[in-house]
Structures are given as structure tokens and as C-alpha cells.
Amino acid sequence: MSAPSSTGPSAQVDLGGRSPWSVLPPLLLGFFMIMVDTTIVNIAVPTLVDSFDVGLSAVGWVTSAYLLTYAVLLLVTGRLGDRFGPKNIFVAGLVVFTLSSLWCGFSGSIGMLITARAVQGVGAALMTPQTMAIITRVFPPQKRGAAMGVWGSVAGIATITGPVLGGLFVETLGWEWIFFINVPVGLVALFFSFRALPALATDKKSFDVLGVVLSVIGLGALVFGVQEGETYDWGQVWGPVSIPLILGVGVVVIVAFVLWQRRLGPDALLPLSLFHHRNFSLANVSGMTVSFAMIGIFFPLTLFLQTTLGLSPLHAALVSLPSSVVSGVVAPFAGRLSDRVPAKWVMVTGFASLAVATVWLDLVIAPGISAWTIVVPMLFFGLGTGCVFSPMASLATAGLDQSTAGAGAGAFNTTRQVGGVIGSAAIIAMLQTRLAVTLPAAAQDAARALPEQYRQSFVDGFASMGGSFSGAGGSVPVPDGVPADVADAISSAGSAAFGTGFAQAAGDTMLLVAGVLVVGLVSGVLMRRESGHV
């Protein structure tokens, strides 16, 4: 990969006298929809569980299906942008995303919703590399940080605003509107796309069909194994097929994919030469960790706020609203600052803030706390997202030229989304695993307040709740003929046990996220002390 230079392909782009900033509205609108849809479903999880009468694992695939198709196709869509022009591919993706959003809203079963979300991920994959590629090619290097700052502010605001919008729609219009809202936004983005996006020069590339197949199979096997492992008790799935076998196949296929990419060289779906640049490689690691964290924070936190604290979807979402404001204010300044100082230190500051926020949440999560107790650490989370996204994108795109802009953007966004896919699967698996331990333990403690003849049946009611958690709170069946005062005691003990057990499990998942964020922080520290654009 060539070293960053002061000249680049952007100087060859003719915008007809228009400012480079004129291309941003459609790109930002499309990117906003993509990022919102990575988190907007989380706030609706309890509602979807009730609406479709399914378990937490099934609803988890509403998020994972979107992230999976999004992640595995980014490499080929980056190449499509290089070959057919980023404008054409962006518009195609916008159409697919908008129509599939309509399909999501009209879904009548969990299976149809998961399928529609998978198609929506295809549209997102078509669009995302083009946003970064167009910015990289249109803006000169010395101004790219400011543009990436705006891009980063959209990423931060959208990811945190998703739960707020989701809560508003779930509580007022219904869960369908978390998808229907994309339709008018998509139409506006299409209008601006035809008016503002330039037709950039293309660079013909061959398509690595085998690479696509290997990446899809490998990632699919890994995600299925991690997410569904607890459901199948990490054993047999059907016939001779087991979770360890599926995970093993996933690892082997991913290794084969990497070896195949190495053999193809510059014609590969993922040109490994891109990773010869140290900052690009480490920016990809950082991208994986922050995407893991975004999923890892909001999934357990949303469930805790609704099932343990009893907040409505809207009120639960509003807890993160101040964080969204902070992120939106900080990100443009972080982008401009990364043009003036080594971008790595801006990003490292963000990761440190994210890690502090996550550990803080682990320390304060408990039954009966005030929602304001959550708001304060979430402000640090907003500061962290505002400081991470734009410098990270600047570091990843430095040095990309016309022939590598699409592939580089595709590779960066692939690794970032792979982090989200793994995060979604790992957090659901860990939450269910910990619930299987913490709920029975909390039930044992709560049962001491009950008459002795009812204690064992009470504890047994919690025994399998972790693996099959459905968002029902601490609802424990009360045996027939139980006196009213005992029934009330059982109900109260159930609520107390569930609150204590779920809070403990949610806190444990926060520590996992904090550990992953430390990896991102260390990656930033190891980067070279150069700005992304010098």
C-alpha cells in the first residue's frame, strides 16, 4: 500500500465548480439509516418477543441477520464501486435498503422479519463503502479530516439515537415504524443522490467469486455457532452436526479464505497488501472493537432498563439521549483536530472514555437504581463515540487512491461490521450463559423469605430461565390453592430474584465489553504518530 501523500485522486474530480461538501447530504442520509438500523431493533426486543411469541435467541437473529449480510458483502461491494462507479452502487443499495425496510414493517412472522433484515443488510453493504470512497476521492487530504468528522458525527449520533427513535415508535405507532421511517428518508436521499453525487472514474477489477463463497460460509458458521451454542447446550444440533463442529468448520474456512486472498494478490476480494500499512491494520482492529462495544452496551442495557427497572421503551431510550447529543457535538471537533494533531491520540482518548463508561455501568447496575444513575456514565460513552469514529476513519483511509479506495473502504467496513456480528452473537450467548447461573442463585436467596414447602418449586421455576429468557421479568407460576398472602410473597420474591440475577448478568457482559475496548485502545497506542492526512 502506498504511503500517504499530499496529492491524491481527489484533485482529478470535477464537480463543476461545486464545493466538495455538496456531495455529503445523500451520503450522510444513507449512512444515517444504516447506522440507526444497527441499534434501533434493540429497544424493541421485548416487544418483538411478545408480538411473535418467540425466545430471545430468535429475536437476536433480527439483528444478527442484518449485521451478517452487511459484513460479509462489504468486500465485494467495495470492489463493485471500483468497477461500476461508487455513485451507481450507492444508488442501487439505497433502493434495496428502502424497499427491504418496507418489507420488514409488513413482516407477519419472525422468519419473514429475519429474511427481510438480511436483504436490508445487502442494501447497507452496497452503500457503506461508497460513502467512504467518495469522501476519500472528492476531498483533498488536508480537508478530509473535517469531512470524516461530519461522517463520524453521523455514525455516533445514529448509533445512539437508534434506541431513542425505536422507543418512540414502539411506544406510539408500533414496532413496524422502526422500519417504515426509512422509506421517506430513503426517498429524500435518492433525490439528492441524483442531484449531487459525481460520476467518478472506474477501475476494472475481476470478481473473486470463490472468495465471496468462502467468506460467507466461514462467517456464517462462526456466528451461528457462537449465538446458538447456549441454545443447544454447546452440543448436538442435528444428526452428527454439533456446535464445536460448526465453529471448527468456520475457523477452517476463514483460514482458507485468507490463504486464497494471499494467492490472488491485488485481484483478491480482500487485497492483503492493504494491511502492510500499519495504521490501516490497527484501524481495522479498532473498528472491530468499537462495533463490538456498540452492540455489547445497548443490548443488555436496554433489557435491564425495561425488564428490571420497568421503564417503557421510550423512557428506556431517553436514557441515552444526552449521550447522543454529546457524541454529535464532539465528533466534528474530533475530526478537525485529527487534521492538526496525530489522529491516533484523539481516538485513544475516545477508547479510554468508552472503557471508563462501560466499567462504570458495571459498578452501578443494580435493581431499583434511578435511571439518572445510568445517564452519567452514558455521557462518557457519548464522548468516547464522538472521539473514535472520525479519527479512526481518517487513519483507515489515509493513502488510499483511485484503485484502492473502494477495496480499502470495503475492507475497513467489513472488519468493523464483523466486530458487530461477533459482538451481537457473543453478548447474547454470554448474557444467556450468565443468566443460567445468576437467576437460580438469586432465586435461592429470595426463596428464604418463603414458607419452606414452596421454596424448592420456586427455585425450580428459575432453573432454566437463563437459557430460554423471553423478557417476561420475574414471572413465576403460582401453584393452585396457594393462600393469597403466600401468592403475593412468591410474586414479590420472583421480581426481586429476577432483578438481582439479571442485573448481575448484565454487569458481567459489560466487563466483557470493557475488555474488548482495551484491545481497541492498545491498537490506537501502537499506531504511528502521524496524522491520518499528512
Protein backbone atom coordinates (compact mmCIF):
# COMPACT_ATOMS: atom_id res chain seq x y z
CA MET A 1 0.00 0.00 0.00
CA SER A 2 1.41 3.33 -0.95
CA ALA A 3 2.36 5.79 1.70
CA PRO A 4 0.09 8.72 2.31
CA SER A 5 0.90 11.73 0.22
CA SER A 6 -0.26 15.25 -0.23
CA THR A 7 -1.67 14.55 -3.60
CA GLY A 8 -4.43 12.17 -4.45
CA PRO A 9 -7.15 11.34 -6.85
CA SER A 10 -9.44 13.92 -5.37
CA ALA A 11 -7.63 16.60 -7.31
CA GLN A 12 -8.84 14.98 -10.56
CA VAL A 13 -12.54 15.07 -9.63
CA ASP A 14 -14.51 17.74 -11.49
CA LEU A 15 -17.55 18.86 -9.53
CA GLY A 16 -18.49 21.60 -11.96
CA GLY A 17 -17.49 24.38 -9.62
CA ARG A 18 -19.38 22.93 -6.65
CA SER A 19 -17.83 22.55 -3.21
CA PRO A 20 -16.87 19.02 -2.14
CA TRP A 21 -19.26 19.50 0.78
CA SER A 22 -22.18 19.38 -1.68
CA VAL A 23 -21.79 15.61 -2.05
CA LEU A 24 -22.30 14.89 1.65
CA PRO A 25 -26.13 15.18 2.10
CA PRO A 26 -27.10 11.94 0.29
CA LEU A 27 -24.10 10.07 1.68
CA LEU A 28 -24.88 11.11 5.24
CA LEU A 29 -28.60 10.36 4.92
CA GLY A 30 -27.87 6.87 3.62
CA PHE A 31 -25.20 6.25 6.24
CA PHE A 32 -27.50 7.54 8.97
CA MET A 33 -30.15 4.95 8.07
CA ILE A 34 -27.56 2.18 8.03
CA MET A 35 -26.15 3.03 11.45
CA VAL A 36 -29.57 3.61 13.04
CA ASP A 37 -30.65 0.15 11.96
CA THR A 38 -27.72 -1.48 13.76
CA THR A 39 -29.19 -0.48 17.15
CA ILE A 40 -32.82 0.54 16.65
CA VAL A 41 -34.07 -3.04 16.97
CA ASN A 42 -32.54 -3.47 20.45
CA ILE A 43 -35.15 -1.26 22.10
CA ALA A 44 -37.92 -3.33 20.52
CA VAL A 45 -36.58 -6.73 21.65
CA PRO A 46 -39.13 -7.30 24.45
CA THR A 47 -41.93 -6.14 22.15
CA LEU A 48 -40.83 -8.47 19.34
CA VAL A 49 -40.55 -11.38 21.80
CA ASP A 50 -44.17 -10.79 22.82
CA SER A 51 -45.51 -9.98 19.33
CA PHE A 52 -44.10 -13.11 17.67
CA ASP A 53 -44.17 -15.34 20.78
CA VAL A 54 -40.55 -16.44 20.36
CA GLY A 55 -37.43 -16.57 22.52
CA LEU A 56 -34.58 -14.12 22.95
CA SER A 57 -32.26 -16.12 20.69
CA ALA A 58 -34.70 -15.96 17.75
CA VAL A 59 -35.16 -12.21 18.13
CA GLY A 60 -31.39 -11.83 18.39
CA TRP A 61 -31.20 -13.03 14.79
CA VAL A 62 -33.23 -9.97 13.71
CA THR A 63 -30.05 -8.02 14.50
CA SER A 64 -27.51 -10.69 13.60
CA ALA A 65 -29.02 -11.42 10.15
CA TYR A 66 -28.71 -7.74 9.24
CA LEU A 67 -25.17 -7.49 10.54
CA LEU A 68 -24.12 -10.77 8.93
CA THR A 69 -25.20 -9.98 5.36
CA TYR A 70 -23.93 -6.44 5.84
CA ALA A 71 -20.50 -7.64 6.93
CA VAL A 72 -19.85 -10.49 4.51
CA LEU A 73 -20.78 -8.50 1.40
CA LEU A 74 -18.81 -5.32 2.09
CA LEU A 75 -15.69 -6.65 0.41
CA VAL A 76 -17.41 -7.39 -2.89
CA THR A 77 -19.48 -4.20 -2.81
CA GLY A 78 -16.31 -2.18 -2.33
CA ARG A 79 -14.98 -3.80 -5.49
CA LEU A 80 -18.28 -3.16 -7.26
CA GLY A 81 -17.84 0.53 -6.52
CA ASP A 82 -14.36 0.49 -8.05
CA ARG A 83 -15.65 -1.24 -11.18
CA PHE A 84 -19.04 0.34 -11.86
CA GLY A 85 -18.66 3.65 -10.04
CA PRO A 86 -19.47 4.43 -6.41
CA LYS A 87 -22.49 6.59 -7.35
CA ASN A 88 -24.22 3.76 -9.23
CA ILE A 89 -23.64 1.21 -6.48
CA PHE A 90 -24.68 3.65 -3.76
CA VAL A 91 -27.99 4.36 -5.53
CA ALA A 92 -28.62 0.64 -6.05
CA GLY A 93 -28.00 -0.01 -2.37
CA LEU A 94 -30.29 2.85 -1.37
CA VAL A 95 -33.14 1.35 -3.41
CA VAL A 96 -32.62 -2.14 -1.91
CA PHE A 97 -32.40 -0.75 1.62
CA THR A 98 -35.53 1.38 1.28
CA LEU A 99 -37.68 -1.39 -0.24
CA SER A 100 -36.49 -4.00 2.27
CA SER A 101 -37.33 -1.60 5.11
CA LEU A 102 -40.91 -1.61 3.81
CA TRP A 103 -40.80 -5.41 3.76
CA CYS A 104 -39.57 -5.50 7.37
CA GLY A 105 -42.51 -3.42 8.53
CA PHE A 106 -45.04 -5.68 6.82
CA SER A 107 -43.47 -8.93 8.10
CA GLY A 108 -46.01 -11.23 9.71
CA SER A 109 -43.63 -13.76 11.27
CA ILE A 110 -40.22 -13.76 12.90
CA GLY A 111 -38.83 -15.79 9.98
CA MET A 112 -40.02 -13.23 7.42
CA LEU A 113 -38.64 -10.37 9.51
CA ILE A 114 -35.23 -12.05 9.77
CA THR A 115 -35.22 -12.62 5.98
CA ALA A 116 -36.19 -9.02 5.25
CA ARG A 117 -33.47 -7.80 7.63
CA ALA A 118 -30.93 -9.95 5.78
CA VAL A 119 -31.92 -8.26 2.50
CA GLN A 120 -31.74 -4.89 4.24
CA GLY A 121 -28.17 -5.76 5.17
CA VAL A 122 -27.41 -6.29 1.47
CA GLY A 123 -28.57 -2.74 0.74
CA ALA A 124 -26.46 -1.41 3.60
CA ALA A 125 -23.43 -3.30 2.26
CA LEU A 126 -23.87 -1.76 -1.18
CA MET A 127 -23.95 1.77 0.24
CA THR A 128 -21.38 1.89 3.03
CA PRO A 129 -18.06 1.51 1.15
CA GLN A 130 -19.21 4.10 -1.37
CA THR A 131 -19.69 6.76 1.34
CA MET A 132 -16.07 6.49 2.44
CA ALA A 133 -14.73 6.02 -1.10
CA ILE A 134 -16.48 9.14 -2.41
CA ILE A 135 -15.29 11.26 0.54
CA THR A 136 -11.75 9.93 0.10
CA ARG A 137 -11.71 10.74 -3.62
CA VAL A 138 -13.54 14.09 -3.56
CA PHE A 139 -11.97 15.81 -0.55
CA PRO A 140 -8.29 16.79 -0.64
CA PRO A 141 -6.18 15.16 2.11
CA GLN A 142 -5.82 18.36 4.15
CA LYS A 143 -9.61 18.74 4.42
CA ARG A 144 -10.59 15.11 4.66
CA GLY A 145 -10.44 15.02 8.45
CA ALA A 146 -13.16 17.67 8.70
CA ALA A 147 -15.35 15.71 6.28
CA MET A 148 -14.72 12.49 8.19
CA GLY A 149 -15.63 14.41 11.34
CA VAL A 150 -19.10 15.06 9.96
CA TRP A 151 -19.28 11.43 8.79
CA GLY A 152 -18.19 10.30 12.25
CA SER A 153 -20.76 12.51 13.96
CA VAL A 154 -23.47 10.80 11.91
CA ALA A 155 -22.12 7.39 12.95
CA GLY A 156 -22.08 8.34 16.61
CA ILE A 157 -25.43 10.13 16.65
CA ALA A 158 -27.21 7.45 14.63
CA THR A 159 -25.91 4.54 16.68
CA ILE A 160 -27.02 6.13 19.95
CA THR A 161 -30.15 7.78 18.53
CA GLY A 162 -31.40 4.44 17.19
CA PRO A 163 -32.74 3.30 20.57
CA VAL A 164 -34.42 6.69 21.13
CA LEU A 165 -36.23 6.58 17.81
CA GLY A 166 -37.03 2.92 18.37
CA GLY A 167 -38.52 3.63 21.78
CA LEU A 168 -40.63 6.47 20.42
CA PHE A 169 -42.05 4.38 17.58
CA VAL A 170 -42.58 1.21 19.63
CA GLU A 171 -44.49 3.11 22.30
CA THR A 172 -46.61 5.24 19.96
CA LEU A 173 -47.00 3.86 16.41
CA GLY A 174 -45.85 0.26 16.82
CA TRP A 175 -42.64 -1.68 16.19
CA GLU A 176 -43.29 -1.67 12.42
CA TRP A 177 -42.39 2.03 12.29
CA ILE A 178 -38.79 1.44 13.29
CA PHE A 179 -38.54 0.21 9.68
CA PHE A 180 -41.19 2.31 7.91
CA ILE A 181 -39.35 5.51 8.88
CA ASN A 182 -36.57 4.56 6.45
CA VAL A 183 -38.89 4.89 3.45
CA PRO A 184 -39.28 8.72 3.36
CA VAL A 185 -35.65 9.19 4.38
CA GLY A 186 -34.56 6.86 1.58
CA LEU A 187 -36.61 8.76 -1.00
CA VAL A 188 -35.05 12.08 0.04
CA ALA A 189 -31.58 10.51 -0.14
CA LEU A 190 -32.33 9.22 -3.64
CA PHE A 191 -33.34 12.72 -4.77
CA PHE A 192 -30.08 14.23 -3.52
CA SER A 193 -28.04 11.32 -4.90
CA PHE A 194 -29.08 12.05 -8.48
CA ARG A 195 -28.51 15.78 -7.98
CA ALA A 196 -25.24 15.85 -6.05
CA LEU A 197 -23.14 12.71 -6.45
CA PRO A 198 -20.45 12.86 -9.17
CA ALA A 199 -19.75 10.09 -11.68
CA LEU A 200 -16.21 9.12 -10.68
CA ALA A 201 -13.69 7.26 -12.80
CA THR A 202 -13.84 3.47 -12.54
CA ASP A 203 -11.08 0.89 -12.23
CA LYS A 204 -11.96 -2.52 -13.70
CA LYS A 205 -11.48 -5.38 -11.27
CA SER A 206 -12.18 -9.09 -11.57
CA PHE A 207 -14.64 -10.65 -9.13
CA ASP A 208 -13.37 -13.21 -6.64
CA VAL A 209 -16.41 -15.49 -6.55
CA LEU A 210 -14.66 -18.19 -4.53
CA GLY A 211 -13.57 -15.59 -2.00
CA VAL A 212 -17.17 -14.43 -1.57
CA VAL A 213 -18.36 -18.01 -1.01
CA LEU A 214 -15.61 -18.76 1.50
CA SER A 215 -16.20 -15.57 3.48
CA VAL A 216 -19.97 -16.12 3.65
CA ILE A 217 -19.65 -19.75 4.77
CA GLY A 218 -16.88 -19.05 7.27
CA LEU A 219 -18.50 -16.06 8.94
CA GLY A 220 -21.93 -17.69 8.87
CA ALA A 221 -20.65 -20.80 10.64
CA LEU A 222 -18.82 -18.81 13.29
CA VAL A 223 -21.76 -16.53 14.08
CA PHE A 224 -24.27 -19.39 14.19
CA GLY A 225 -22.02 -21.39 16.49
CA VAL A 226 -21.42 -18.55 18.93
CA GLN A 227 -25.01 -17.33 19.07
CA GLU A 228 -26.79 -20.70 19.15
CA GLY A 229 -24.24 -22.53 21.31
CA GLU A 230 -26.15 -21.99 24.55
CA THR A 231 -29.45 -22.98 22.91
CA TYR A 232 -28.01 -26.40 22.01
CA ASP A 233 -26.01 -26.67 25.25
CA TRP A 234 -22.83 -26.44 23.13
CA GLY A 235 -23.55 -29.94 21.84
CA GLN A 236 -25.50 -31.65 19.08
CA VAL A 237 -27.59 -29.56 16.68
CA TRP A 238 -28.92 -32.25 14.34
CA GLY A 239 -27.54 -35.67 13.43
CA PRO A 240 -23.76 -35.66 13.65
CA VAL A 241 -23.59 -31.86 13.43
CA SER A 242 -22.59 -30.16 16.67
CA ILE A 243 -21.75 -26.62 17.76
CA PRO A 244 -18.00 -27.39 18.14
CA LEU A 245 -18.01 -28.89 14.62
CA ILE A 246 -19.74 -25.81 13.18
CA LEU A 247 -17.27 -23.49 14.90
CA GLY A 248 -14.36 -25.62 13.69
CA VAL A 249 -15.62 -25.52 10.11
CA GLY A 250 -15.96 -21.74 10.39
CA VAL A 251 -12.35 -21.34 11.51
CA VAL A 252 -11.02 -23.66 8.80
CA VAL A 253 -12.97 -21.89 6.04
CA ILE A 254 -11.83 -18.45 7.22
CA VAL A 255 -8.21 -19.66 7.16
CA ALA A 256 -8.78 -20.99 3.63
CA PHE A 257 -10.26 -17.63 2.66
CA VAL A 258 -7.17 -15.76 3.88
CA LEU A 259 -4.84 -18.16 2.04
CA TRP A 260 -6.89 -17.75 -1.15
CA GLN A 261 -6.73 -13.97 -0.86
CA ARG A 262 -2.97 -14.17 -0.46
CA ARG A 263 -2.69 -16.24 -3.63
CA LEU A 264 -4.76 -13.78 -5.72
CA GLY A 265 -2.72 -10.77 -4.66
CA PRO A 266 -4.09 -7.42 -5.94
CA ASP A 267 -7.07 -9.12 -7.64
CA ALA A 268 -8.32 -10.60 -4.36
CA LEU A 269 -11.63 -9.72 -2.80
CA LEU A 270 -9.59 -8.58 0.21
CA PRO A 271 -6.16 -7.42 -1.05
CA LEU A 272 -3.88 -8.32 1.84
CA SER A 273 -1.39 -5.66 0.71
CA LEU A 274 -3.72 -3.09 2.25
CA PHE A 275 -2.66 -4.36 5.64
CA HIS A 276 1.00 -3.64 5.00
CA HIS A 277 0.27 -0.13 6.20
CA ARG A 278 0.48 -0.30 9.99
CA ASN A 279 -2.13 2.34 10.78
CA PHE A 280 -4.64 0.80 8.36
CA SER A 281 -4.25 -2.61 10.01
CA LEU A 282 -4.62 -1.25 13.53
CA ALA A 283 -7.56 0.97 12.50
CA ASN A 284 -9.31 -2.21 11.38
CA VAL A 285 -8.72 -3.80 14.78
CA SER A 286 -10.06 -0.67 16.46
CA GLY A 287 -13.08 -0.69 14.18
CA MET A 288 -13.92 -4.25 15.19
CA THR A 289 -13.70 -3.44 18.89
CA VAL A 290 -15.86 -0.30 18.79
CA SER A 291 -18.57 -2.07 16.78
CA PHE A 292 -18.49 -4.93 19.29
CA ALA A 293 -18.90 -2.35 22.06
CA MET A 294 -21.84 -0.56 20.47
CA ILE A 295 -23.81 -3.80 20.28
CA GLY A 296 -22.46 -5.04 23.60
CA ILE A 297 -23.54 -1.96 25.53
CA PHE A 298 -27.04 -1.41 24.21
CA PHE A 299 -28.39 -4.96 24.09
CA PRO A 300 -28.08 -5.82 27.81
CA LEU A 301 -28.62 -2.22 28.94
CA THR A 302 -31.90 -1.93 27.05
CA LEU A 303 -33.20 -5.18 28.52
CA PHE A 304 -32.12 -4.11 32.01
CA LEU A 305 -33.90 -0.76 31.78
CA GLN A 306 -37.15 -2.33 30.59
CA THR A 307 -37.34 -5.67 32.38
CA THR A 308 -35.63 -4.79 35.67
CA LEU A 309 -36.28 -1.08 36.16
CA GLY A 310 -39.67 -1.31 34.45
CA LEU A 311 -39.13 1.62 32.08
CA SER A 312 -41.22 1.93 28.93
CA PRO A 313 -39.38 1.57 25.59
CA LEU A 314 -39.40 5.35 25.11
CA HIS A 315 -38.20 6.15 28.63
CA ALA A 316 -35.50 3.49 28.35
CA ALA A 317 -34.32 5.02 25.09
CA LEU A 318 -34.28 8.55 26.50
CA VAL A 319 -31.65 7.46 29.00
CA SER A 320 -29.14 7.50 26.12
CA LEU A 321 -30.34 10.76 24.55
CA PRO A 322 -27.86 13.05 26.40
CA SER A 323 -25.11 10.70 25.26
CA SER A 324 -26.23 11.12 21.66
CA VAL A 325 -26.09 14.91 21.98
CA VAL A 326 -22.58 14.79 23.40
CA SER A 327 -21.43 12.49 20.60
CA GLY A 328 -22.88 14.76 17.91
CA VAL A 329 -21.21 17.85 19.36
CA VAL A 330 -17.81 16.23 19.90
CA ALA A 331 -17.39 14.34 16.60
CA PRO A 332 -16.91 17.32 14.21
CA PHE A 333 -14.31 18.83 16.56
CA ALA A 334 -12.56 15.46 16.81
CA GLY A 335 -12.44 15.29 13.00
CA ARG A 336 -10.91 18.76 12.66
CA LEU A 337 -8.49 18.04 15.50
CA SER A 338 -7.28 14.90 13.71
CA ASP A 339 -6.14 17.16 10.83
CA ARG A 340 -3.92 19.10 13.23
CA VAL A 341 -2.59 16.55 15.73
CA PRO A 342 -1.82 12.83 15.47
CA ALA A 343 -5.24 11.30 14.93
CA LYS A 344 -4.32 8.25 17.00
CA TRP A 345 -4.35 10.23 20.26
CA VAL A 346 -7.83 11.59 19.58
CA MET A 347 -9.01 8.03 19.01
CA VAL A 348 -7.19 6.68 22.08
CA THR A 349 -8.92 9.32 24.21
CA GLY A 350 -12.23 8.09 22.86
CA PHE A 351 -11.47 4.45 23.66
CA ALA A 352 -10.41 5.38 27.19
CA SER A 353 -13.70 7.22 27.70
CA LEU A 354 -15.68 4.24 26.36
CA ALA A 355 -13.86 1.82 28.66
CA VAL A 356 -14.44 4.05 31.70
CA ALA A 357 -18.14 4.33 30.84
CA THR A 358 -18.51 0.56 30.49
CA VAL A 359 -16.80 -0.27 33.81
CA TRP A 360 -18.84 2.48 35.46
CA LEU A 361 -22.05 0.87 34.20
CA ASP A 362 -20.97 -2.48 35.62
CA LEU A 363 -20.46 -0.86 39.02
CA VAL A 364 -23.81 0.94 39.18
CA ILE A 365 -26.22 -1.54 37.56
CA ALA A 366 -28.46 -2.89 40.29
CA PRO A 367 -32.18 -3.40 40.90
CA GLY A 368 -34.08 -0.28 41.92
CA ILE A 369 -31.50 2.31 40.87
CA SER A 370 -32.57 5.62 39.39
CA ALA A 371 -32.33 5.97 35.61
CA TRP A 372 -30.20 9.07 36.21
CA THR A 373 -27.53 6.78 37.61
CA ILE A 374 -27.17 5.36 34.09
CA VAL A 375 -27.19 8.77 32.34
CA VAL A 376 -23.86 9.95 33.81
CA PRO A 377 -21.67 7.07 32.56
CA MET A 378 -23.53 7.21 29.24
CA LEU A 379 -22.30 10.80 28.83
CA PHE A 380 -18.77 9.41 28.85
CA PHE A 381 -19.89 6.83 26.32
CA GLY A 382 -21.11 9.65 24.05
CA LEU A 383 -17.79 11.46 24.46
CA GLY A 384 -15.99 8.26 23.50
CA THR A 385 -18.01 7.59 20.35
CA GLY A 386 -17.56 11.21 19.29
CA CYS A 387 -13.79 10.92 19.61
CA VAL A 388 -13.39 7.49 17.99
CA PHE A 389 -15.29 7.33 14.70
CA SER A 390 -13.88 10.19 12.62
CA PRO A 391 -10.15 9.81 13.54
CA MET A 392 -10.46 6.06 13.05
CA ALA A 393 -11.93 6.57 9.55
CA SER A 394 -9.21 9.12 8.74
CA LEU A 395 -6.48 6.71 9.77
CA ALA A 396 -8.05 3.89 7.74
CA THR A 397 -8.43 5.89 4.51
CA ALA A 398 -5.07 7.71 4.52
CA GLY A 399 -3.08 6.70 1.46
CA LEU A 400 -5.97 5.14 -0.48
CA ASP A 401 -6.01 6.11 -4.17
CA GLN A 402 -8.48 5.58 -7.02
CA SER A 403 -7.55 1.91 -7.41
CA THR A 404 -7.79 1.07 -3.70
CA ALA A 405 -10.44 3.46 -2.35
CA GLY A 406 -13.31 1.00 -2.78
CA ALA A 407 -11.38 -2.07 -1.68
CA GLY A 408 -9.88 -0.24 1.31
CA ALA A 409 -13.24 1.15 2.40
CA GLY A 410 -14.78 -2.27 1.92
CA ALA A 411 -12.08 -3.95 3.98
CA PHE A 412 -12.33 -1.39 6.79
CA ASN A 413 -16.11 -1.57 6.96
CA THR A 414 -16.02 -5.37 6.75
CA THR A 415 -13.77 -5.72 9.77
CA ARG A 416 -15.84 -3.11 11.60
CA GLN A 417 -19.08 -4.95 10.90
CA VAL A 418 -17.55 -8.33 11.68
CA GLY A 419 -16.95 -6.87 15.14
CA GLY A 420 -20.65 -6.03 15.33
CA VAL A 421 -21.67 -9.51 14.20
CA ILE A 422 -19.38 -11.19 16.72
CA GLY A 423 -20.47 -8.70 19.38
CA SER A 424 -24.15 -9.43 18.81
CA ALA A 425 -23.62 -13.18 18.95
CA ALA A 426 -21.16 -13.13 21.86
CA ILE A 427 -23.21 -10.77 24.03
CA ILE A 428 -26.42 -12.78 23.57
CA ALA A 429 -24.55 -16.01 24.29
CA MET A 430 -22.81 -14.59 27.36
CA LEU A 431 -25.98 -12.96 28.70
CA GLN A 432 -27.90 -16.22 28.43
CA THR A 433 -25.00 -18.18 29.93
CA ARG A 434 -24.69 -15.84 32.89
CA LEU A 435 -28.48 -15.74 33.42
CA ALA A 436 -28.46 -19.52 33.69
CA VAL A 437 -26.15 -19.06 36.71
CA THR A 438 -27.26 -15.77 38.29
CA LEU A 439 -31.04 -16.31 38.18
CA PRO A 440 -31.05 -19.62 40.09
CA ALA A 441 -28.54 -18.20 42.59
CA ALA A 442 -30.73 -15.14 43.17
CA ALA A 443 -33.78 -17.40 43.45
CA GLN A 444 -32.06 -19.43 46.18
CA ASP A 445 -31.52 -16.26 48.21
CA ALA A 446 -35.05 -14.94 47.62
CA ALA A 447 -36.62 -18.31 48.50
CA ARG A 448 -35.50 -17.97 52.11
CA ALA A 449 -38.34 -15.50 52.65
CA LEU A 450 -40.95 -18.07 51.56
CA PRO A 451 -42.58 -20.87 53.54
CA GLU A 452 -40.39 -23.96 53.35
CA GLN A 453 -42.84 -26.09 51.35
CA TYR A 454 -42.81 -23.61 48.47
CA ARG A 455 -39.06 -22.91 48.26
CA GLN A 456 -37.92 -25.74 46.00
CA SER A 457 -40.67 -25.25 43.41
CA PHE A 458 -39.86 -21.54 43.40
CA VAL A 459 -36.16 -22.22 42.74
CA ASP A 460 -37.02 -24.79 40.09
CA GLY A 461 -39.05 -22.14 38.27
CA PHE A 462 -35.85 -20.18 37.70
CA ALA A 463 -33.63 -23.14 36.89
CA SER A 464 -33.98 -22.97 33.10
CA MET A 465 -34.91 -19.31 32.73
CA GLY A 466 -31.40 -18.23 31.69
CA GLY A 467 -31.20 -20.30 28.54
CA SER A 468 -34.77 -19.56 27.49
CA PHE A 469 -35.13 -15.99 28.73
CA SER A 470 -38.05 -14.31 26.97
CA GLY A 471 -38.18 -10.92 28.60
CA ALA A 472 -41.01 -11.89 30.92
CA GLY A 473 -39.33 -10.49 34.00
CA GLY A 474 -39.65 -12.40 37.23
CA SER A 475 -42.94 -14.10 36.44
CA VAL A 476 -43.07 -17.41 38.33
CA PRO A 477 -46.14 -19.69 38.17
CA VAL A 478 -48.01 -19.80 41.48
CA PRO A 479 -49.42 -23.25 42.40
CA ASP A 480 -53.19 -23.61 42.65
CA GLY A 481 -54.70 -23.29 46.09
CA VAL A 482 -51.90 -21.16 47.49
CA PRO A 483 -53.14 -18.63 50.09
CA ALA A 484 -53.28 -15.06 48.83
CA ASP A 485 -50.56 -13.80 51.16
CA VAL A 486 -48.21 -16.60 50.06
CA ALA A 487 -49.01 -15.91 46.38
CA ASP A 488 -48.08 -12.27 46.92
CA ALA A 489 -44.86 -13.32 48.65
CA ILE A 490 -43.96 -15.64 45.75
CA SER A 491 -44.63 -12.86 43.24
CA SER A 492 -42.51 -10.36 45.19
CA ALA A 493 -39.71 -12.86 45.64
CA GLY A 494 -39.81 -13.63 41.90
CA SER A 495 -39.46 -9.98 40.97
CA ALA A 496 -36.62 -9.49 43.44
CA ALA A 497 -34.79 -12.60 42.26
CA PHE A 498 -35.12 -11.68 38.62
CA GLY A 499 -33.94 -8.11 39.21
CA THR A 500 -30.89 -9.22 41.15
CA GLY A 501 -29.99 -12.04 38.76
CA PHE A 502 -30.45 -10.01 35.60
CA ALA A 503 -28.51 -7.02 36.96
CA GLN A 504 -25.59 -9.31 37.82
CA ALA A 505 -25.63 -10.93 34.37
CA ALA A 506 -25.86 -7.59 32.57
CA GLY A 507 -22.94 -6.25 34.60
CA ASP A 508 -20.85 -9.28 33.70
CA THR A 509 -21.45 -8.64 29.99
CA MET A 510 -20.31 -5.03 30.49
CA LEU A 511 -16.96 -6.30 31.74
CA LEU A 512 -16.57 -8.35 28.57
CA VAL A 513 -17.20 -5.19 26.53
CA ALA A 514 -14.67 -3.25 28.62
CA GLY A 515 -12.03 -5.89 27.92
CA VAL A 516 -12.67 -5.66 24.18
CA LEU A 517 -12.42 -1.85 24.33
CA VAL A 518 -8.99 -2.13 25.95
CA VAL A 519 -7.87 -4.01 22.83
CA GLY A 520 -9.03 -1.05 20.72
CA LEU A 521 -7.21 1.38 23.00
CA VAL A 522 -3.95 -0.59 22.78
CA SER A 523 -4.30 -0.73 18.98
CA GLY A 524 -4.52 3.06 18.91
CA VAL A 525 -1.45 3.46 21.10
CA LEU A 526 0.55 1.19 18.78
CA MET A 527 -0.22 3.32 15.71
CA ARG A 528 2.41 5.60 14.22
CA ARG A 529 2.45 9.20 15.47
CA GLU A 530 1.34 10.57 12.13
CA SER A 531 -1.92 12.32 11.36
CA GLY A 532 -4.16 10.40 9.04
CA HIS A 533 -3.64 13.04 6.30
CA VAL A 534 -0.01 14.09 6.45
